N, C-alpha and C. Protein backbone atom coordinates (compact mmCIF):
# COMPACT_ATOMS: atom_id res chain seq x y z
N UNK A 1 -15.84 -7.95 8.23
CA UNK A 1 -14.66 -7.98 7.39
C UNK A 1 -14.73 -6.93 6.34
N UNK A 2 -13.59 -6.63 5.77
CA UNK A 2 -13.47 -5.63 4.68
C UNK A 2 -12.62 -6.22 3.65
N UNK A 3 -13.26 -6.27 2.42
CA UNK A 3 -12.55 -6.87 1.25
C UNK A 3 -11.78 -5.81 0.60
N UNK A 4 -10.52 -6.03 0.28
CA UNK A 4 -9.69 -5.14 -0.48
C UNK A 4 -9.13 -5.81 -1.60
N UNK A 5 -9.20 -5.26 -2.79
CA UNK A 5 -8.76 -5.70 -4.10
C UNK A 5 -7.57 -5.00 -4.46
N UNK A 6 -6.41 -5.68 -4.65
CA UNK A 6 -5.19 -5.07 -5.01
C UNK A 6 -4.95 -5.36 -6.55
N UNK A 7 -4.23 -4.44 -7.17
CA UNK A 7 -3.78 -4.70 -8.53
C UNK A 7 -2.62 -3.83 -8.88
N UNK A 8 -1.91 -4.13 -9.95
CA UNK A 8 -0.78 -3.25 -10.38
C UNK A 8 0.56 -3.88 -10.20
N UNK A 9 0.65 -4.97 -9.52
CA UNK A 9 1.94 -5.62 -9.37
C UNK A 9 2.43 -6.15 -10.68
N UNK A 10 3.74 -6.31 -10.82
CA UNK A 10 4.44 -6.84 -11.97
C UNK A 10 5.85 -6.55 -11.96
N UNK A 11 6.46 -7.25 -13.04
CA UNK A 11 7.95 -7.02 -13.20
C UNK A 11 8.41 -5.62 -13.38
N UNK A 12 9.33 -5.19 -12.74
CA UNK A 12 9.85 -3.82 -12.96
C UNK A 12 11.42 -3.96 -12.81
N UNK A 13 12.01 -3.12 -13.58
CA UNK A 13 13.51 -3.12 -13.53
C UNK A 13 13.90 -1.99 -12.54
N UNK A 14 15.13 -2.19 -12.00
CA UNK A 14 15.70 -1.30 -11.04
C UNK A 14 15.74 0.10 -11.79
N UNK A 15 15.25 1.18 -11.00
CA UNK A 15 15.12 2.48 -11.52
C UNK A 15 13.68 2.80 -12.19
N UNK A 16 13.01 1.77 -12.41
CA UNK A 16 11.72 1.88 -13.05
C UNK A 16 10.58 2.37 -12.14
N UNK A 17 9.42 2.43 -12.71
CA UNK A 17 8.27 2.88 -11.91
C UNK A 17 7.16 1.95 -12.04
N UNK A 18 6.31 1.91 -10.98
CA UNK A 18 5.12 1.10 -11.11
C UNK A 18 4.07 1.72 -10.12
N UNK A 19 2.73 1.43 -10.41
CA UNK A 19 1.75 2.07 -9.61
C UNK A 19 0.80 0.84 -9.07
N UNK A 20 0.72 0.76 -7.77
CA UNK A 20 -0.18 -0.16 -7.16
C UNK A 20 -1.57 0.49 -6.79
N UNK A 21 -2.63 -0.30 -6.88
CA UNK A 21 -3.87 0.18 -6.57
C UNK A 21 -4.57 -0.78 -5.60
N UNK A 22 -5.42 -0.18 -4.69
CA UNK A 22 -6.17 -1.04 -3.78
C UNK A 22 -7.58 -0.42 -3.75
N UNK A 23 -8.57 -1.24 -3.98
CA UNK A 23 -9.98 -0.83 -4.05
C UNK A 23 -10.83 -1.45 -2.97
N UNK A 24 -11.18 -0.83 -1.84
CA UNK A 24 -11.99 -1.45 -0.84
C UNK A 24 -13.48 -1.66 -1.27
N UNK A 25 -14.14 -2.67 -0.82
CA UNK A 25 -15.45 -2.94 -1.19
C UNK A 25 -16.57 -2.20 -0.28
N UNK A 26 -15.95 -1.05 0.27
CA UNK A 26 -16.92 -0.13 1.02
C UNK A 26 -16.32 1.18 0.89
N UNK A 27 -16.99 2.21 1.33
CA UNK A 27 -16.51 3.57 1.20
C UNK A 27 -15.22 3.79 1.88
N UNK A 28 -14.22 4.33 1.17
CA UNK A 28 -12.87 4.57 1.82
C UNK A 28 -13.10 5.59 2.92
N UNK A 29 -14.06 6.42 2.91
CA UNK A 29 -14.26 7.30 4.05
C UNK A 29 -14.48 6.74 5.31
N UNK A 30 -14.73 5.34 5.30
CA UNK A 30 -14.87 4.69 6.64
C UNK A 30 -13.67 4.42 7.30
N UNK A 31 -12.55 4.60 6.71
CA UNK A 31 -11.21 4.17 7.23
C UNK A 31 -10.41 5.23 7.82
N UNK A 32 -9.92 5.15 9.00
CA UNK A 32 -9.11 6.01 9.69
C UNK A 32 -7.78 6.16 9.08
N UNK A 33 -7.21 5.09 8.69
CA UNK A 33 -5.93 5.01 8.16
C UNK A 33 -5.85 3.91 7.18
N UNK A 34 -5.15 4.18 5.96
CA UNK A 34 -4.88 3.24 4.97
C UNK A 34 -3.40 3.22 4.60
N UNK A 35 -3.00 2.29 4.02
CA UNK A 35 -1.53 2.14 3.73
C UNK A 35 -1.03 0.80 3.12
N UNK A 36 0.29 0.69 3.00
CA UNK A 36 0.80 -0.42 2.37
C UNK A 36 1.96 -0.94 3.25
N UNK A 37 2.05 -2.27 3.21
CA UNK A 37 3.21 -2.97 3.84
C UNK A 37 3.98 -3.79 2.74
N UNK A 38 5.13 -4.09 3.00
CA UNK A 38 5.81 -4.96 2.06
C UNK A 38 6.46 -6.08 2.84
N UNK A 39 6.41 -7.29 2.27
CA UNK A 39 7.24 -8.46 2.75
C UNK A 39 8.14 -9.04 1.78
N UNK A 40 9.30 -8.84 1.97
CA UNK A 40 10.43 -9.39 1.10
C UNK A 40 10.77 -10.84 1.54
N UNK A 41 11.24 -11.58 0.65
CA UNK A 41 11.69 -12.99 0.83
C UNK A 41 12.50 -13.09 2.20
N UNK A 42 12.08 -13.91 3.10
CA UNK A 42 12.91 -14.14 4.31
C UNK A 42 12.82 -13.01 5.38
N UNK A 43 12.03 -12.03 5.10
CA UNK A 43 11.94 -11.00 6.02
C UNK A 43 10.45 -10.65 6.66
N UNK A 44 10.44 -9.86 7.58
CA UNK A 44 9.17 -9.66 8.24
C UNK A 44 8.50 -8.44 7.36
N UNK A 45 7.21 -8.50 7.57
CA UNK A 45 6.47 -7.39 6.90
C UNK A 45 6.77 -6.13 7.52
N UNK A 46 7.00 -5.13 6.69
CA UNK A 46 7.39 -3.79 7.19
C UNK A 46 6.43 -2.72 6.42
N UNK A 47 6.12 -1.65 7.19
CA UNK A 47 5.38 -0.63 6.66
C UNK A 47 6.08 0.21 5.65
N UNK A 48 5.39 0.52 4.40
CA UNK A 48 6.09 1.22 3.46
C UNK A 48 5.56 2.79 3.45
N UNK A 49 4.20 2.80 3.70
CA UNK A 49 3.58 4.13 3.59
C UNK A 49 2.16 4.06 4.17
N UNK A 50 1.76 5.19 4.68
CA UNK A 50 0.36 5.29 5.19
C UNK A 50 -0.15 6.70 5.04
N UNK A 51 -1.50 6.69 5.04
CA UNK A 51 -2.22 7.94 4.88
C UNK A 51 -3.49 8.00 5.73
N UNK A 52 -3.70 9.05 6.55
CA UNK A 52 -4.88 9.01 7.33
C UNK A 52 -5.91 9.74 6.70
N UNK A 53 -7.09 9.71 7.34
CA UNK A 53 -8.24 10.34 6.57
C UNK A 53 -8.14 11.88 6.45
N UNK A 54 -7.34 12.49 7.17
CA UNK A 54 -7.09 13.96 7.03
C UNK A 54 -6.14 14.29 5.94
N UNK A 55 -5.48 13.21 5.40
CA UNK A 55 -4.51 13.38 4.37
C UNK A 55 -3.00 13.42 4.68
N UNK A 56 -2.73 13.37 6.02
CA UNK A 56 -1.32 13.35 6.38
C UNK A 56 -0.74 11.97 6.06
N UNK A 57 0.46 12.03 5.56
CA UNK A 57 1.18 10.78 5.05
C UNK A 57 2.42 10.45 5.87
N UNK A 58 2.78 9.25 5.83
CA UNK A 58 4.01 8.85 6.50
C UNK A 58 4.65 7.83 5.62
N UNK A 59 6.04 7.91 5.52
CA UNK A 59 6.76 7.00 4.64
C UNK A 59 7.86 6.44 5.44
N UNK A 60 8.23 5.19 5.04
CA UNK A 60 9.40 4.58 5.60
C UNK A 60 10.65 5.27 5.07
N UNK A 61 11.64 5.29 5.80
CA UNK A 61 12.94 6.07 5.35
C UNK A 61 13.41 5.39 4.03
N UNK A 62 13.24 4.19 3.81
CA UNK A 62 13.73 3.63 2.56
C UNK A 62 12.88 3.84 1.26
N UNK A 63 11.83 4.58 1.46
CA UNK A 63 11.10 5.04 0.23
C UNK A 63 10.95 6.41 0.10
N UNK A 64 11.26 7.22 1.04
CA UNK A 64 11.00 8.73 1.09
C UNK A 64 11.63 9.31 -0.16
N UNK A 65 10.74 10.12 -0.79
CA UNK A 65 11.28 10.84 -2.00
C UNK A 65 11.03 10.12 -3.18
N UNK A 66 10.64 8.84 -3.16
CA UNK A 66 10.56 7.99 -4.26
C UNK A 66 9.15 7.35 -4.45
N UNK A 67 8.48 7.15 -3.35
CA UNK A 67 7.16 6.57 -3.40
C UNK A 67 6.13 7.65 -2.95
N UNK A 68 4.98 7.54 -3.49
CA UNK A 68 3.94 8.50 -3.16
C UNK A 68 2.62 7.69 -2.87
N UNK A 69 1.98 7.88 -1.69
CA UNK A 69 0.77 7.18 -1.47
C UNK A 69 -0.37 8.34 -1.64
N UNK A 70 -1.48 7.86 -2.14
CA UNK A 70 -2.58 8.68 -2.35
C UNK A 70 -3.90 7.98 -2.12
N UNK A 71 -4.79 8.75 -1.63
CA UNK A 71 -6.09 8.26 -1.26
C UNK A 71 -7.13 9.14 -2.01
N UNK A 72 -7.83 8.58 -2.94
CA UNK A 72 -8.79 9.21 -3.74
C UNK A 72 -10.24 8.96 -3.16
N UNK A 73 -10.72 9.87 -2.38
CA UNK A 73 -12.01 9.49 -1.76
C UNK A 73 -13.14 9.62 -2.81
N UNK A 74 -12.97 10.35 -3.90
CA UNK A 74 -14.08 10.32 -4.93
C UNK A 74 -14.14 9.02 -5.66
N UNK A 75 -12.90 8.60 -6.05
CA UNK A 75 -12.85 7.30 -6.83
C UNK A 75 -12.75 6.17 -5.90
N UNK A 76 -12.67 6.30 -4.67
CA UNK A 76 -12.56 5.13 -3.81
C UNK A 76 -11.34 4.20 -4.07
N UNK A 77 -10.20 4.72 -4.26
CA UNK A 77 -8.99 4.04 -4.62
C UNK A 77 -7.83 4.55 -3.82
N UNK A 78 -7.09 3.57 -3.27
CA UNK A 78 -5.93 3.94 -2.58
C UNK A 78 -4.76 3.49 -3.62
N UNK A 79 -3.74 4.27 -3.75
CA UNK A 79 -2.65 3.93 -4.61
C UNK A 79 -1.28 4.14 -4.10
N UNK A 80 -0.26 3.62 -4.61
CA UNK A 80 1.05 3.73 -4.19
C UNK A 80 1.94 3.89 -5.45
N UNK A 81 2.39 4.96 -5.77
CA UNK A 81 3.22 5.25 -6.95
C UNK A 81 4.65 4.98 -6.51
N UNK A 82 5.28 4.16 -7.24
CA UNK A 82 6.62 3.78 -6.80
C UNK A 82 7.57 4.24 -7.97
N UNK A 83 8.49 5.11 -7.77
CA UNK A 83 9.48 5.51 -8.74
C UNK A 83 10.90 5.20 -8.20
N UNK A 84 11.72 5.19 -9.10
CA UNK A 84 13.17 4.78 -8.86
C UNK A 84 13.28 3.56 -8.03
N UNK A 85 12.46 2.59 -8.45
CA UNK A 85 12.41 1.27 -7.71
C UNK A 85 13.83 0.63 -7.55
N UNK A 86 14.09 0.20 -6.36
CA UNK A 86 15.38 -0.50 -6.13
C UNK A 86 15.24 -1.95 -6.07
N UNK A 87 16.24 -2.75 -6.18
CA UNK A 87 16.13 -4.17 -6.34
C UNK A 87 15.51 -4.77 -4.94
N UNK A 88 15.94 -4.06 -3.95
CA UNK A 88 15.45 -4.65 -2.55
C UNK A 88 13.92 -4.40 -2.35
N UNK A 89 13.28 -3.64 -3.27
CA UNK A 89 11.87 -3.42 -3.18
C UNK A 89 11.02 -4.74 -3.48
N UNK A 90 11.73 -5.70 -3.92
CA UNK A 90 11.01 -6.91 -4.34
C UNK A 90 10.33 -7.47 -3.15
N UNK A 91 9.02 -8.09 -3.46
CA UNK A 91 8.36 -8.68 -2.41
C UNK A 91 6.93 -8.56 -2.72
N UNK A 92 6.14 -9.03 -1.63
CA UNK A 92 4.63 -8.87 -1.81
C UNK A 92 4.32 -7.59 -1.04
N UNK A 93 3.40 -6.90 -1.72
CA UNK A 93 2.85 -5.57 -1.16
C UNK A 93 1.33 -5.79 -0.82
N UNK A 94 1.23 -5.46 0.52
CA UNK A 94 -0.16 -5.62 1.00
C UNK A 94 -0.74 -4.29 1.42
N UNK A 95 -2.03 -4.01 0.86
CA UNK A 95 -2.77 -2.91 1.29
C UNK A 95 -3.50 -3.29 2.59
N UNK A 96 -3.62 -2.23 3.27
CA UNK A 96 -4.36 -2.42 4.61
C UNK A 96 -5.19 -1.16 4.82
N UNK A 97 -6.25 -1.40 5.67
CA UNK A 97 -7.10 -0.18 6.14
C UNK A 97 -7.42 -0.47 7.58
N UNK A 98 -7.69 0.52 8.24
CA UNK A 98 -8.01 0.59 9.73
C UNK A 98 -9.36 1.37 9.85
N UNK A 99 -10.21 0.66 10.57
CA UNK A 99 -11.46 1.50 11.05
C UNK A 99 -11.98 0.90 12.33
N UNK A 100 -12.83 1.71 12.85
CA UNK A 100 -13.47 1.44 14.07
C UNK A 100 -14.64 0.56 13.88
N UNK A 101 -14.70 -0.53 14.69
CA UNK A 101 -15.94 -1.27 14.69
C UNK A 101 -16.18 -1.86 16.02
N UNK A 102 -17.30 -1.54 16.55
CA UNK A 102 -17.68 -1.88 17.99
C UNK A 102 -16.69 -1.26 18.95
N UNK A 103 -16.28 -0.04 18.72
CA UNK A 103 -15.39 0.60 19.64
C UNK A 103 -13.94 0.20 19.56
N UNK A 104 -13.68 -0.73 18.62
CA UNK A 104 -12.19 -1.22 18.54
C UNK A 104 -11.62 -0.89 17.16
N UNK A 105 -10.49 -0.50 17.17
CA UNK A 105 -9.75 -0.18 15.95
C UNK A 105 -9.17 -1.48 15.36
N UNK A 106 -9.68 -1.90 14.26
CA UNK A 106 -9.18 -3.12 13.58
C UNK A 106 -8.51 -2.79 12.25
N UNK A 107 -7.54 -3.69 11.89
CA UNK A 107 -6.98 -3.71 10.60
C UNK A 107 -7.39 -4.76 9.70
N UNK A 108 -7.46 -4.38 8.38
CA UNK A 108 -8.00 -5.42 7.37
C UNK A 108 -6.89 -5.42 6.30
N UNK A 109 -6.74 -6.63 5.62
CA UNK A 109 -5.52 -6.62 4.76
C UNK A 109 -6.03 -7.21 3.42
N UNK A 110 -5.36 -6.70 2.36
CA UNK A 110 -5.53 -7.17 1.04
C UNK A 110 -4.88 -8.59 0.87
N UNK A 111 -5.01 -9.23 -0.28
CA UNK A 111 -4.39 -10.49 -0.50
C UNK A 111 -2.93 -10.42 -0.89
N UNK A 112 -2.49 -9.22 -1.22
CA UNK A 112 -1.04 -9.06 -1.50
C UNK A 112 -0.88 -9.15 -3.03
N UNK A 113 -0.03 -8.23 -3.52
CA UNK A 113 0.34 -8.28 -4.92
C UNK A 113 1.87 -8.37 -5.00
N UNK A 114 2.34 -9.25 -5.96
CA UNK A 114 3.83 -9.49 -6.04
C UNK A 114 4.44 -8.51 -6.90
N UNK A 115 5.60 -7.90 -6.43
CA UNK A 115 6.40 -7.09 -7.14
C UNK A 115 7.84 -7.63 -7.34
N UNK A 116 8.06 -8.38 -8.40
CA UNK A 116 9.33 -8.89 -8.73
C UNK A 116 10.16 -7.78 -9.38
N UNK A 117 11.49 -7.79 -8.91
CA UNK A 117 12.45 -6.69 -9.50
C UNK A 117 13.39 -7.42 -10.34
N UNK A 118 13.48 -7.18 -11.51
CA UNK A 118 14.52 -7.81 -12.36
C UNK A 118 15.96 -7.25 -12.08
N UNK A 119 16.89 -8.10 -12.24
CA UNK A 119 18.16 -7.67 -11.95
C UNK A 119 18.88 -7.07 -13.26
């Protein structure tokens, strides 16, 4: 098991900014891929952004140009900077990491942090 501690969620207004953080309880260098998913009310969990160990990033179309994912190997923190937040961004944000264990690539999830968006 990999324990992930998320923080940074909170009320944000449309057009506002917020930064989410995820701190794993082991070296971030162990992970092949890290990222964030979002689950909005009544909807399935969807990927928001990801970053691999080499630094290449991937963003969902609905956040491109507004969100930035970063992986600080020295500080052992994964972050998601959200700018120009839209009302549809409301939901739970889950940090995840992927690593190989016993020749199997497994994913581990944080507990989720709530991002309510005021109207």
